[in-house]
Amino acid sequence: MEHASTIRRYLLRLKLKCRKAKRKPLLNAFQRRRRLIWAKKLLQKRSSFWRRCIFSDEMRIELLQGNVSENVYRLDGEADLPQHIRPTVKHSPAVTIWGCFSHKGVGKLRFIDPKQAMNSAWYRDVLQKEVCATLHDQFGGVQYAFFQDDGAPCHIDQRQCRKNFSSWE
């Protein structure tokens, strides 16, 4: 039976280093394809477009995650291979924060009540209050900027509404 330090030395000779596995949401092939198409489409935009963009996203912070992590042995440059990633789950007590930003700076921030469902009604309220206020603060009005989100399910019902920001003022 090999000693643990002998095994570690052998793995290092193979250039396999012990590292923490990345944690990412579990995505299926359709979701990955949609994200890639979206990103490639946006790569074609000019810098004048990006200077007038405001981005938003939500972030869920798991409260009872603790120091739970899993080590993986991998070569340099292999961090994003599926066998070295451990999917995250959504059933830990958590707090969710919504925020927005542009090249002009950070915009409004909203803490989301844990009992609040992130649905299209909630999202419309956020757009009306936080996004419009940020657009006025940073751009002088809604007609001077482009709004970008990540296409999450709660955002989809609002795509038609976002075409006419001025109706929210």
Protein backbone atom coordinates (compact mmCIF):
# COMPACT_ATOMS: atom_id res chain seq x y z
CA MET A 1 0.00 0.00 0.00
CA GLU A 2 1.35 3.40 -1.04
CA HIS A 3 1.75 6.19 1.47
CA ALA A 4 -0.38 9.33 0.87
CA SER A 5 2.68 11.56 0.43
CA THR A 6 4.08 9.19 -2.22
CA ILE A 7 0.84 9.44 -4.16
CA ARG A 8 0.83 13.24 -3.87
CA ARG A 9 4.43 13.42 -5.19
CA TYR A 10 3.51 11.16 -8.11
CA LEU A 11 0.49 13.34 -8.96
CA LEU A 12 2.68 16.46 -8.84
CA ARG A 13 5.16 14.82 -11.24
CA LEU A 14 2.20 14.40 -13.62
CA LYS A 15 1.52 18.15 -13.09
CA LEU A 16 -1.81 17.36 -11.39
CA LYS A 17 -2.30 19.87 -8.57
CA CYS A 18 -4.89 19.64 -5.84
CA ARG A 19 -7.36 22.50 -6.26
CA LYS A 20 -10.84 23.43 -5.16
CA ALA A 21 -13.50 22.47 -7.71
CA LYS A 22 -15.32 25.41 -9.29
CA ARG A 23 -18.97 25.72 -8.33
CA LYS A 24 -21.35 26.66 -11.13
CA PRO A 25 -25.06 26.29 -11.78
CA LEU A 26 -25.97 23.06 -13.50
CA LEU A 27 -26.87 23.90 -17.13
CA ASN A 28 -28.21 21.61 -19.81
CA ALA A 29 -27.03 21.66 -23.44
CA PHE A 30 -29.91 23.90 -24.56
CA GLN A 31 -29.14 26.51 -21.89
CA ARG A 32 -25.42 26.49 -22.73
CA ARG A 33 -26.20 26.93 -26.46
CA ARG A 34 -28.59 29.85 -25.79
CA ARG A 35 -25.98 31.61 -23.63
CA LEU A 36 -23.32 31.18 -26.31
CA ILE A 37 -25.58 32.58 -29.07
CA TRP A 38 -26.47 35.57 -26.84
CA ALA A 39 -22.80 36.27 -26.08
CA LYS A 40 -21.70 36.01 -29.73
CA LYS A 41 -24.45 38.40 -30.79
CA LEU A 42 -23.30 40.98 -28.24
CA LEU A 43 -19.64 40.68 -29.31
CA GLN A 44 -20.58 42.42 -32.56
CA LYS A 45 -21.75 45.61 -30.81
CA ARG A 46 -19.67 48.79 -31.08
CA SER A 47 -18.12 50.62 -28.11
CA SER A 48 -20.71 53.41 -28.41
CA PHE A 49 -23.40 50.80 -27.62
CA TRP A 50 -21.52 49.51 -24.56
CA ARG A 51 -21.03 53.03 -23.16
CA ARG A 52 -24.82 53.37 -23.15
CA CYS A 53 -25.60 49.96 -21.62
CA ILE A 54 -26.82 49.21 -18.15
CA PHE A 55 -26.58 45.63 -16.88
CA SER A 56 -28.46 43.92 -14.11
CA ASP A 57 -28.28 40.60 -12.36
CA GLU A 58 -29.33 38.83 -9.21
CA MET A 59 -26.97 37.02 -6.86
CA ARG A 60 -27.98 34.37 -4.39
CA ILE A 61 -25.70 33.98 -1.37
CA GLU A 62 -26.15 30.68 0.43
CA LEU A 63 -26.00 31.25 4.17
CA LEU A 64 -25.31 27.71 5.40
CA GLN A 65 -22.84 26.69 2.71
CA GLY A 66 -20.02 26.66 5.22
CA ASN A 67 -16.56 25.65 4.08
CA VAL A 68 -17.84 22.73 2.03
CA SER A 69 -15.65 22.21 -1.00
CA GLU A 70 -14.21 19.33 -2.88
CA ASN A 71 -10.65 19.02 -4.09
CA VAL A 72 -9.97 17.86 -7.62
CA TYR A 73 -6.71 16.88 -9.29
CA ARG A 74 -6.29 18.52 -12.66
CA LEU A 75 -3.77 20.01 -15.05
CA ASP A 76 -3.35 23.74 -15.59
CA GLY A 77 -6.05 25.00 -17.96
CA GLU A 78 -8.55 22.26 -17.09
CA ALA A 79 -10.60 24.23 -14.53
CA ASP A 80 -13.66 24.48 -16.82
CA LEU A 81 -13.85 20.83 -17.85
CA PRO A 82 -17.12 19.26 -16.63
CA GLN A 83 -15.35 16.55 -14.61
CA HIS A 84 -13.64 19.26 -12.51
CA ILE A 85 -16.77 21.28 -11.71
CA ARG A 86 -19.20 20.52 -8.90
CA PRO A 87 -22.75 21.77 -9.57
CA THR A 88 -24.45 23.98 -7.02
CA VAL A 89 -27.90 23.37 -5.58
CA LYS A 90 -30.63 25.84 -4.65
CA HIS A 91 -31.94 24.46 -1.33
CA SER A 92 -29.80 26.23 1.26
CA PRO A 93 -31.19 29.20 3.24
CA ALA A 94 -30.03 32.23 1.31
CA VAL A 95 -30.33 35.93 0.66
CA THR A 96 -30.70 37.27 -2.87
CA ILE A 97 -29.47 40.67 -4.00
CA TRP A 98 -30.35 42.44 -7.24
CA GLY A 99 -28.12 45.17 -8.64
CA CYS A 100 -27.24 47.06 -11.79
CA PHE A 101 -24.23 48.89 -13.23
CA SER A 102 -22.96 50.67 -16.31
CA HIS A 103 -19.65 52.12 -17.42
CA LYS A 104 -20.68 55.20 -15.40
CA GLY A 105 -20.74 53.24 -12.14
CA VAL A 106 -22.80 51.08 -9.83
CA GLY A 107 -26.54 51.64 -9.81
CA LYS A 108 -29.34 50.83 -7.39
CA LEU A 109 -29.27 47.73 -5.20
CA ARG A 110 -32.19 45.76 -3.80
CA PHE A 111 -32.22 43.00 -1.21
CA ILE A 112 -34.88 40.45 -2.03
CA ASP A 113 -37.13 39.12 0.72
CA PRO A 114 -36.50 35.34 1.02
CA LYS A 115 -40.27 34.78 0.85
CA GLN A 116 -40.55 36.83 -2.35
CA ALA A 117 -40.81 34.82 -5.55
CA MET A 118 -38.59 36.16 -8.32
CA ASN A 119 -41.29 36.24 -10.98
CA SER A 120 -42.20 38.67 -13.73
CA ALA A 121 -44.31 40.86 -11.39
CA TRP A 122 -41.37 41.22 -9.01
CA TYR A 123 -39.03 41.93 -11.92
CA ARG A 124 -41.33 44.61 -13.37
CA ASP A 125 -41.35 46.35 -9.98
CA VAL A 126 -37.54 46.29 -9.88
CA LEU A 127 -37.32 47.66 -13.42
CA GLN A 128 -39.79 50.46 -12.68
CA LYS A 129 -38.10 51.57 -9.47
CA GLU A 130 -34.41 50.69 -9.48
CA VAL A 131 -33.54 50.59 -13.18
CA CYS A 132 -35.40 53.76 -14.12
CA ALA A 133 -33.87 55.61 -11.15
CA THR A 134 -30.39 54.46 -12.16
CA LEU A 135 -31.01 55.42 -15.79
CA HIS A 136 -32.00 58.92 -14.69
CA ASP A 137 -29.02 59.22 -12.31
CA GLN A 138 -26.41 57.95 -14.77
CA PHE A 139 -27.77 58.83 -18.21
CA GLY A 140 -30.24 61.66 -17.64
CA GLY A 141 -33.21 59.61 -18.78
CA VAL A 142 -34.36 56.25 -20.02
CA GLN A 143 -34.21 57.10 -23.72
CA TYR A 144 -30.40 57.43 -23.64
CA ALA A 145 -29.43 53.90 -22.60
CA PHE A 146 -29.80 50.22 -23.44
CA PHE A 147 -30.82 47.74 -20.76
CA GLN A 148 -29.27 44.25 -20.68
CA ASP A 149 -30.26 41.28 -18.52
CA ASP A 150 -29.22 37.65 -18.58
CA GLY A 151 -32.48 36.22 -19.93
CA ALA A 152 -33.49 34.42 -16.73
CA PRO A 153 -37.06 33.03 -16.78
CA CYS A 154 -38.44 35.83 -14.57
CA HIS A 155 -37.10 38.39 -17.10
CA ILE A 156 -38.72 36.95 -20.21
CA ASP A 157 -42.28 38.26 -19.65
CA GLN A 158 -40.88 41.77 -19.31
CA ARG A 159 -39.04 41.92 -22.66
CA GLN A 160 -42.02 43.56 -24.32
CA CYS A 161 -42.35 46.09 -21.49
CA ARG A 162 -38.66 47.05 -21.68
CA LYS A 163 -39.06 48.11 -25.30
CA ASN A 164 -40.86 51.19 -24.02
CA PHE A 165 -39.11 52.43 -20.89
CA SER A 166 -40.80 55.81 -21.17
CA SER A 167 -44.16 54.24 -20.23
CA TRP A 168 -42.71 53.54 -16.78
CA GLU A 169 -41.94 57.15 -15.88
